C-alpha atoms as a PDB file:
ATOM      1  CA  MET A   1      -0.139   0.091   0.257  1.00  0.00           C
ATOM      2  CA  ILE A   2       0.535   3.790  -0.340  1.00  0.00           C
ATOM      3  CA  GLU A   3       1.247   5.758   2.278  1.00  0.00           C
ATOM      4  CA  LEU A   4      -0.132   8.705   2.361  1.00  0.00           C
ATOM      5  CA  TYR A   5       0.890  12.289   4.749  1.00  0.00           C
ATOM      6  CA  TYR A   6      -1.766  13.736   4.849  1.00  0.00           C
ATOM      7  CA  TRP A   7      -4.146  17.092   6.979  1.00  0.00           C
ATOM      8  CA  PRO A   8      -7.214  17.737   5.846  1.00  0.00           C
ATOM      9  CA  THR A   9      -6.304  20.982   3.828  1.00  0.00           C
ATOM     10  CA  PRO A  10      -7.081  21.945   0.280  1.00  0.00           C
ATOM     11  CA  ASN A  11      -2.737  20.220  -0.634  1.00  0.00           C
ATOM     12  CA  GLY A  12      -4.079  17.437   1.797  1.00  0.00           C
ATOM     13  CA  TRP A  13      -7.265  16.252  -0.823  1.00  0.00           C
ATOM     14  CA  LYS A  14      -4.997  17.201  -4.201  1.00  0.00           C
ATOM     15  CA  ILE A  15      -3.654  13.384  -3.343  1.00  0.00           C
ATOM     16  CA  SER A  16      -7.012  12.074  -1.391  1.00  0.00           C
ATOM     17  CA  ILE A  17      -8.619  12.670  -4.294  1.00  0.00           C
ATOM     18  CA  ALA A  18      -6.615  11.284  -6.634  1.00  0.00           C
ATOM     19  CA  LEU A  19      -6.052   8.292  -5.040  1.00  0.00           C
ATOM     20  CA  GLU A  20      -9.307   7.511  -4.604  1.00  0.00           C
ATOM     21  CA  GLU A  21     -10.516   8.580  -8.375  1.00  0.00           C
ATOM     22  CA  MET A  22      -7.104   5.957  -9.743  1.00  0.00           C
ATOM     23  CA  GLU A  23      -8.446   3.479  -7.279  1.00  0.00           C
ATOM     24  CA  LEU A  24      -4.763   2.257  -5.603  1.00  0.00           C
ATOM     25  CA  PRO A  25      -5.060   0.956  -1.918  1.00  0.00           C
ATOM     26  CA  TYR A  26      -3.238   3.387   0.564  1.00  0.00           C
ATOM     27  CA  GLU A  27      -3.064   3.791   4.056  1.00  0.00           C
ATOM     28  CA  THR A  28      -3.272   7.625   6.003  1.00  0.00           C
ATOM     29  CA  ARG A  29      -0.394   8.737   8.330  1.00  0.00           C
ATOM     30  CA  LEU A  30      -1.780  11.880   9.803  1.00  0.00           C
ATOM     31  CA  VAL A  31       1.169  14.422  10.158  1.00  0.00           C
ATOM     32  CA  ASN A  32      -0.702  17.192  12.110  1.00  0.00           C
ATOM     33  CA  ILE A  33       0.349  20.731  11.746  1.00  0.00           C
ATOM     34  CA  GLY A  34      -1.313  22.237  14.062  1.00  0.00           C
ATOM     35  CA  ALA A  35       0.646  19.934  16.436  1.00  0.00           C
ATOM     36  CA  GLY A  36       3.996  20.285  14.806  1.00  0.00           C
ATOM     37  CA  ASP A  37       4.555  17.035  13.160  1.00  0.00           C
ATOM     38  CA  GLN A  38       5.588  18.367   9.907  1.00  0.00           C
ATOM     39  CA  PHE A  39       8.742  18.808  11.884  1.00  0.00           C
ATOM     40  CA  LYS A  40       9.400  15.936  13.241  1.00  0.00           C
ATOM     41  CA  PRO A  41      13.089  14.426  11.190  1.00  0.00           C
ATOM     42  CA  ASP A  42      11.454  11.079  10.288  1.00  0.00           C
ATOM     43  CA  PHE A  43       8.744  13.250   8.562  1.00  0.00           C
ATOM     44  CA  LEU A  44      11.944  15.561   7.629  1.00  0.00           C
ATOM     45  CA  LYS A  45      13.432  12.717   6.052  1.00  0.00           C
ATOM     46  CA  ILE A  46      10.102  12.006   3.212  1.00  0.00           C
ATOM     47  CA  SER A  47       9.420  16.011   3.095  1.00  0.00           C
ATOM     48  CA  PRO A  48      12.868  17.813   3.942  1.00  0.00           C
ATOM     49  CA  ASN A  49      10.543  20.937   3.283  1.00  0.00           C
ATOM     50  CA  ASN A  50       8.379  19.855   6.389  1.00  0.00           C
ATOM     51  CA  LYS A  51       5.436  20.361   4.011  1.00  0.00           C
ATOM     52  CA  MET A  52       2.648  17.702   3.804  1.00  0.00           C
ATOM     53  CA  PRO A  53       1.672  15.693   1.426  1.00  0.00           C
ATOM     54  CA  ALA A  54       4.242  13.240   1.117  1.00  0.00           C
ATOM     55  CA  ILE A  55       3.611  10.008  -0.162  1.00  0.00           C
ATOM     56  CA  VAL A  56       5.600   6.786   0.435  1.00  0.00           C
ATOM     57  CA  ASP A  57       5.318   3.528  -2.308  1.00  0.00           C
ATOM     58  CA  PRO A  58       7.192   0.976  -1.655  1.00  0.00           C
ATOM     59  CA  ASP A  59       6.984  -0.402  -5.843  1.00  0.00           C
ATOM     60  CA  GLY A  60       8.277   2.560  -6.720  1.00  0.00           C
ATOM     61  CA  PRO A  61      10.448   2.791  -9.747  1.00  0.00           C
ATOM     62  CA  ASP A  62      11.742  -0.549 -11.052  1.00  0.00           C
ATOM     63  CA  GLY A  63      10.255  -1.746  -7.838  1.00  0.00           C
ATOM     64  CA  ALA A  64      12.281   0.385  -5.231  1.00  0.00           C
ATOM     65  CA  PRO A  65      10.521   1.715  -3.144  1.00  0.00           C
ATOM     66  CA  ILE A  66      10.842   5.691  -2.826  1.00  0.00           C
ATOM     67  CA  SER A  67       9.367   8.469  -1.868  1.00  0.00           C
ATOM     68  CA  ILE A  68       7.805  11.529  -2.804  1.00  0.00           C
ATOM     69  CA  PHE A  69       7.637  15.323  -1.853  1.00  0.00           C
ATOM     70  CA  GLU A  70       4.974  18.263  -3.195  1.00  0.00           C
ATOM     71  CA  SER A  71       1.439  17.426  -4.065  1.00  0.00           C
ATOM     72  CA  GLY A  72       2.632  18.389  -7.533  1.00  0.00           C
ATOM     73  CA  ALA A  73       5.179  16.727  -8.473  1.00  0.00           C
ATOM     74  CA  ILE A  74       3.482  13.475  -6.539  1.00  0.00           C
ATOM     75  CA  LEU A  75       0.173  13.584  -8.696  1.00  0.00           C
ATOM     76  CA  GLN A  76       2.342  13.318 -11.684  1.00  0.00           C
ATOM     77  CA  TYR A  77       3.598  10.302 -10.037  1.00  0.00           C
ATOM     78  CA  LEU A  78       0.377   8.962  -9.117  1.00  0.00           C
ATOM     79  CA  ALA A  79      -0.573   9.776 -12.950  1.00  0.00           C
ATOM     80  CA  ARG A  80       2.054   8.568 -14.960  1.00  0.00           C
ATOM     81  CA  LYS A  81       2.184   5.436 -12.890  1.00  0.00           C
ATOM     82  CA  THR A  82      -1.095   4.545 -13.524  1.00  0.00           C
ATOM     83  CA  GLY A  83      -1.842   6.048 -16.952  1.00  0.00           C
ATOM     84  CA  LYS A  84      -4.843   7.932 -16.288  1.00  0.00           C
ATOM     85  CA  PHE A  85      -5.416  11.255 -15.837  1.00  0.00           C
ATOM     86  CA  TYR A  86      -3.095  12.764 -18.281  1.00  0.00           C
ATOM     87  CA  GLY A  87      -3.872  13.066 -21.201  1.00  0.00           C
ATOM     88  CA  SER A  88      -3.658  10.418 -23.892  1.00  0.00           C
ATOM     89  CA  THR A  89      -1.361  12.474 -26.149  1.00  0.00           C
ATOM     90  CA  GLU A  90       1.292  14.652 -26.016  1.00  0.00           C
ATOM     91  CA  ARG A  91      -1.043  17.381 -26.595  1.00  0.00           C
ATOM     92  CA  GLU A  92      -2.915  16.814 -23.416  1.00  0.00           C
ATOM     93  CA  ARG A  93       0.208  16.439 -21.130  1.00  0.00           C
ATOM     94  CA  ILE A  94       1.144  19.782 -21.810  1.00  0.00           C
ATOM     95  CA  ALA A  95      -2.089  21.318 -21.350  1.00  0.00           C
ATOM     96  CA  VAL A  96      -2.728  19.158 -17.792  1.00  0.00           C
ATOM     97  CA  GLU A  97       1.232  20.412 -17.045  1.00  0.00           C
ATOM     98  CA  GLU A  98       0.082  23.568 -17.905  1.00  0.00           C
ATOM     99  CA  TRP A  99      -2.750  24.224 -15.584  1.00  0.00           C
ATOM    100  CA  LEU A 100      -1.204  21.754 -12.575  1.00  0.00           C
ATOM    101  CA  PHE A 101       1.348  24.733 -12.096  1.00  0.00           C
ATOM    102  CA  TRP A 102      -1.173  27.467 -12.915  1.00  0.00           C
ATOM    103  CA  GLN A 103      -2.445  25.923  -8.967  1.00  0.00           C
ATOM    104  CA  VAL A 104       1.126  25.000  -8.215  1.00  0.00           C
ATOM    105  CA  GLY A 105       2.754  29.210  -8.376  1.00  0.00           C
ATOM    106  CA  GLY A 106      -1.350  30.934  -8.511  1.00  0.00           C
ATOM    107  CA  LEU A 107      -4.001  29.693  -7.758  1.00  0.00           C
ATOM    108  CA  GLY A 108      -2.877  27.350  -4.211  1.00  0.00           C
ATOM    109  CA  PRO A 109      -0.383  29.885  -3.597  1.00  0.00           C
ATOM    110  CA  MET A 110      -2.813  32.925  -3.538  1.00  0.00           C
ATOM    111  CA  ALA A 111      -6.328  31.646  -1.853  1.00  0.00           C
ATOM    112  CA  GLY A 112      -4.115  30.577   0.527  1.00  0.00           C
ATOM    113  CA  GLN A 113      -3.047  33.914   1.333  1.00  0.00           C
ATOM    114  CA  ALA A 114      -6.030  35.521   0.871  1.00  0.00           C
ATOM    115  CA  HIS A 115      -7.559  32.640   3.883  1.00  0.00           C
ATOM    116  CA  HIS A 116      -4.524  33.393   6.277  1.00  0.00           C
ATOM    117  CA  PHE A 117      -5.050  37.918   6.128  1.00  0.00           C
ATOM    118  CA  LEU A 118      -8.544  37.618   5.622  1.00  0.00           C
ATOM    119  CA  LYS A 119      -9.484  34.860   8.096  1.00  0.00           C
ATOM    120  CA  TYR A 120      -6.187  33.824  10.932  1.00  0.00           C
ATOM    121  CA  ALA A 121      -4.258  37.159  10.621  1.00  0.00           C
ATOM    122  CA  PRO A 122      -6.914  38.750  12.772  1.00  0.00           C
ATOM    123  CA  GLN A 123      -7.196  36.621  14.947  1.00  0.00           C
ATOM    124  CA  LEU A 124      -3.799  36.355  16.257  1.00  0.00           C
ATOM    125  CA  ASP A 125      -1.799  37.658  19.419  1.00  0.00           C
ATOM    126  CA  PRO A 126      -1.935  40.491  18.517  1.00  0.00           C
ATOM    127  CA  PRO A 127      -3.975  41.249  15.987  1.00  0.00           C
ATOM    128  CA  GLN A 128      -3.179  41.496  12.226  1.00  0.00           C
ATOM    129  CA  ASP A 129      -5.632  43.253  10.580  1.00  0.00           C
ATOM    130  CA  LEU A 130      -4.022  44.749   7.223  1.00  0.00           C
ATOM    131  CA  PRO A 131      -6.840  46.093   4.318  1.00  0.00           C
ATOM    132  CA  TYR A 132      -3.599  46.110   1.522  1.00  0.00           C
ATOM    133  CA  ALA A 133      -3.052  42.486   2.617  1.00  0.00           C
ATOM    134  CA  LYS A 134      -6.812  41.289   3.201  1.00  0.00           C
ATOM    135  CA  ASP A 135      -7.170  42.620  -0.905  1.00  0.00           C
ATOM    136  CA  ARG A 136      -4.499  42.276  -1.965  1.00  0.00           C
ATOM    137  CA  TYR A 137      -4.683  38.011  -1.985  1.00  0.00           C
ATOM    138  CA  ARG A 138      -8.707  38.998  -2.585  1.00  0.00           C
ATOM    139  CA  THR A 139      -7.966  40.733  -5.123  1.00  0.00           C
ATOM    140  CA  GLU A 140      -5.263  37.950  -6.746  1.00  0.00           C
ATOM    141  CA  THR A 141      -7.938  35.160  -6.725  1.00  0.00           C
ATOM    142  CA  ALA A 142     -10.789  36.567  -7.361  1.00  0.00           C
ATOM    143  CA  ARG A 143      -8.656  37.230 -10.482  1.00  0.00           C
ATOM    144  CA  LEU A 144      -7.586  34.118 -11.080  1.00  0.00           C
ATOM    145  CA  TYR A 145     -11.347  32.975 -10.222  1.00  0.00           C
ATOM    146  CA  GLY A 146     -11.488  35.126 -13.819  1.00  0.00           C
ATOM    147  CA  VAL A 147      -8.925  33.546 -15.342  1.00  0.00           C
ATOM    148  CA  MET A 148     -10.562  29.511 -14.945  1.00  0.00           C
ATOM    149  CA  ASP A 149     -13.804  30.978 -15.481  1.00  0.00           C
ATOM    150  CA  ARG A 150     -13.275  32.177 -19.202  1.00  0.00           C
ATOM    151  CA  ARG A 151     -10.833  28.740 -19.827  1.00  0.00           C
ATOM    152  CA  LEU A 152     -14.092  26.559 -17.844  1.00  0.00           C
ATOM    153  CA  ALA A 153     -15.966  28.693 -20.616  1.00  0.00           C
ATOM    154  CA  GLU A 154     -14.195  26.868 -23.682  1.00  0.00           C
ATOM    155  CA  THR A 155     -13.398  23.212 -22.152  1.00  0.00           C
ATOM    156  CA  ARG A 156     -15.664  21.198 -19.873  1.00  0.00           C
ATOM    157  CA  TYR A 157     -12.370  20.841 -17.796  1.00  0.00           C
ATOM    158  CA  LEU A 158      -8.801  22.829 -17.149  1.00  0.00           C
ATOM    159  CA  ALA A 159      -6.884  20.659 -19.262  1.00  0.00           C
ATOM    160  CA  GLY A 160      -9.834  20.427 -22.212  1.00  0.00           C
ATOM    161  CA  ASP A 161     -12.324  18.006 -22.588  1.00  0.00           C
ATOM    162  CA  PHE A 162     -11.017  15.158 -20.341  1.00  0.00           C
ATOM    163  CA  TYR A 163     -10.399  15.258 -16.560  1.00  0.00           C
ATOM    164  CA  SER A 164      -7.390  15.360 -15.590  1.00  0.00           C
ATOM    165  CA  ILE A 165      -5.113  15.557 -11.884  1.00  0.00           C
ATOM    166  CA  ALA A 166      -5.250  19.554 -13.063  1.00  0.00           C
ATOM    167  CA  ASP A 167      -8.584  19.559 -11.998  1.00  0.00           C
ATOM    168  CA  MET A 168      -7.378  17.562  -8.980  1.00  0.00           C
ATOM    169  CA  ALA A 169      -5.010  20.555  -8.054  1.00  0.00           C
ATOM    170  CA  CYS A 170      -7.477  22.831  -8.809  1.00  0.00           C
ATOM    171  CA  TRP A 171     -10.701  21.456  -6.933  1.00  0.00           C
ATOM    172  CA  GLY A 172      -9.910  21.527  -2.899  1.00  0.00           C
ATOM    173  CA  TRP A 173      -9.383  25.196  -2.871  1.00  0.00           C
ATOM    174  CA  ALA A 174     -11.592  26.579  -5.109  1.00  0.00           C
ATOM    175  CA  SER A 175     -14.292  25.201  -2.910  1.00  0.00           C
ATOM    176  CA  LEU A 176     -13.697  26.901  -0.153  1.00  0.00           C
ATOM    177  CA  TRP A 177     -14.275  30.423  -2.179  1.00  0.00           C
ATOM    178  CA  GLU A 178     -16.448  31.608   0.098  1.00  0.00           C
ATOM    179  CA  GLY A 179     -13.639  31.673   3.230  1.00  0.00           C
ATOM    180  CA  GLN A 180     -11.379  33.467   0.549  1.00  0.00           C
ATOM    181  CA  GLU A 181     -14.044  35.674   0.064  1.00  0.00           C
ATOM    182  CA  GLN A 182     -15.122  36.237  -3.403  1.00  0.00           C
ATOM    183  CA  THR A 183     -18.579  35.609  -5.644  1.00  0.00           C
ATOM    184  CA  LEU A 184     -19.273  33.105  -7.800  1.00  0.00           C
ATOM    185  CA  GLU A 185     -22.505  34.584  -9.541  1.00  0.00           C
ATOM    186  CA  ASP A 186     -20.203  36.217 -12.892  1.00  0.00           C
ATOM    187  CA  LYS A 187     -18.623  32.716 -12.993  1.00  0.00           C
ATOM    188  CA  PRO A 188     -21.159  30.196 -14.527  1.00  0.00           C
ATOM    189  CA  ASN A 189     -18.373  27.829 -15.597  1.00  0.00           C
ATOM    190  CA  LEU A 190     -16.686  27.815 -12.438  1.00  0.00           C
ATOM    191  CA  THR A 191     -19.944  27.086 -10.589  1.00  0.00           C
ATOM    192  CA  ARG A 192     -20.614  24.432 -13.238  1.00  0.00           C
ATOM    193  CA  TRP A 193     -16.806  23.182 -12.808  1.00  0.00           C
ATOM    194  CA  LEU A 194     -17.046  22.789  -9.097  1.00  0.00           C
ATOM    195  CA  ASP A 195     -21.259  21.460  -8.847  1.00  0.00           C
ATOM    196  CA  GLU A 196     -20.102  18.557 -11.326  1.00  0.00           C
ATOM    197  CA  LEU A 197     -16.697  17.892  -9.463  1.00  0.00           C
ATOM    198  CA  SER A 198     -18.165  18.151  -6.201  1.00  0.00           C
ATOM    199  CA  ALA A 199     -20.455  15.043  -7.234  1.00  0.00           C
ATOM    200  CA  ARG A 200     -18.317  12.732  -8.234  1.00  0.00           C
ATOM    201  CA  PRO A 201     -17.532   9.976  -5.580  1.00  0.00           C
ATOM    202  CA  ALA A 202     -14.155  10.030  -5.985  1.00  0.00           C
ATOM    203  CA  VAL A 203     -13.800  12.822  -4.590  1.00  0.00           C
ATOM    204  CA  GLN A 204     -16.239  13.216  -2.123  1.00  0.00           C
ATOM    205  CA  LYS A 205     -14.819  10.150  -0.426  1.00  0.00           C
ATOM    206  CA  GLY A 206     -10.869  11.870  -0.711  1.00  0.00           C
ATOM    207  CA  ARG A 207     -12.976  15.464   0.648  1.00  0.00           C
ATOM    208  CA  ALA A 208     -14.274  13.233   4.010  1.00  0.00           C
ATOM    209  CA  LEU A 209     -10.681  12.215   5.241  1.00  0.00           C
ATOM    210  CA  SER A 210     -10.055  13.074   8.392  1.00  0.00           C
ATOM    211  CA  ALA A 211     -11.619  16.160   7.937  1.00  0.00           C
ATOM    212  CA  ASP A 212     -13.001  15.717  11.602  1.00  0.00           C
ATOM    213  CA  GLN A 213      -9.383  16.616  12.365  1.00  0.00           C
ATOM    214  CA  ARG A 214     -10.656  20.646  10.305  1.00  0.00           C
ATOM    215  CA  THR A 215     -11.111  22.012  13.584  1.00  0.00           C
ATOM    216  CA  GLY A 216      -7.671  21.009  14.821  1.00  0.00           C
ATOM    217  CA  THR A 217      -6.007  24.222  12.915  1.00  0.00           C
ATOM    218  CA  GLN A 218      -7.958  27.005  14.787  1.00  0.00           C
ATOM    219  CA  SER A 219      -6.242  27.449  18.020  1.00  0.00           C
ATOM    220  CA  ARG A 220      -4.167  30.328  19.160  1.00  0.00           C
ATOM    221  CA  GLU A 221      -1.707  27.108  19.988  1.00  0.00           C
ATOM    222  CA  ALA A 222      -2.065  26.123  16.677  1.00  0.00           C
ATOM    223  CA  GLN A 223      -1.640  28.493  14.694  1.00  0.00           C
ATOM    224  CA  LYS A 224       1.520  29.203  16.601  1.00  0.00           C
ATOM    225  CA  VAL A 225       3.299  26.027  15.106  1.00  0.00           C
ATOM    226  CA  LEU A 226       1.589  26.987  12.242  1.00  0.00           C
ATOM    227  CA  PHE A 227       2.692  30.924  11.195  1.00  0.00           C
ATOM    228  CA  LYS A 228       5.342  31.423  13.845  1.00  0.00           C
ATOM    229  CA  ARG A 229       8.293  28.900  12.964  1.00  0.00           C
END
């Protein structure tokens, strides 16, 4: 079984959803980021940037075990391993990679900063209620959702008319649009895409993995671990 080092966040959901979609057996190893598990030496051997998710596949290349960190790299590895959700031609694979890296370099960081400055920073001790930062990341996240909506006006999914790891990468962040103080009223194509993906059984199962643990990062103690190390 693949070992999934995970906590129920949008980045963690990328991999739990992919494993469910690809029907790969896995065991969950919870990495409690609010308690500092990501800084433990054993985990740093797998993920030197002290971030989850990460995986260990005992049946890696040439049958030898391999550990992989960074969600985009994990998605690419799993898609190559299974031959699923990566397109069937070189042009399709390029499109998948464009939108996957768009998420990794754009949507994820910007939506994450929006969450931080809109939701968490005002609750810090002392509070950090920063209007410029809030507006900066709220506005940039809105721009990115506009990019998605225009793309999805042309294609059913982000990389084309086929569901891919790029969609899996983007769904978790986009599903939290309300917490980023966004609106979908002017984004019918993004709304349609969100609804379609949210109805997929594998997406639902991947999203539900350890969902009861999401409150574990909301305490003052957990935020000190997350934001002050």
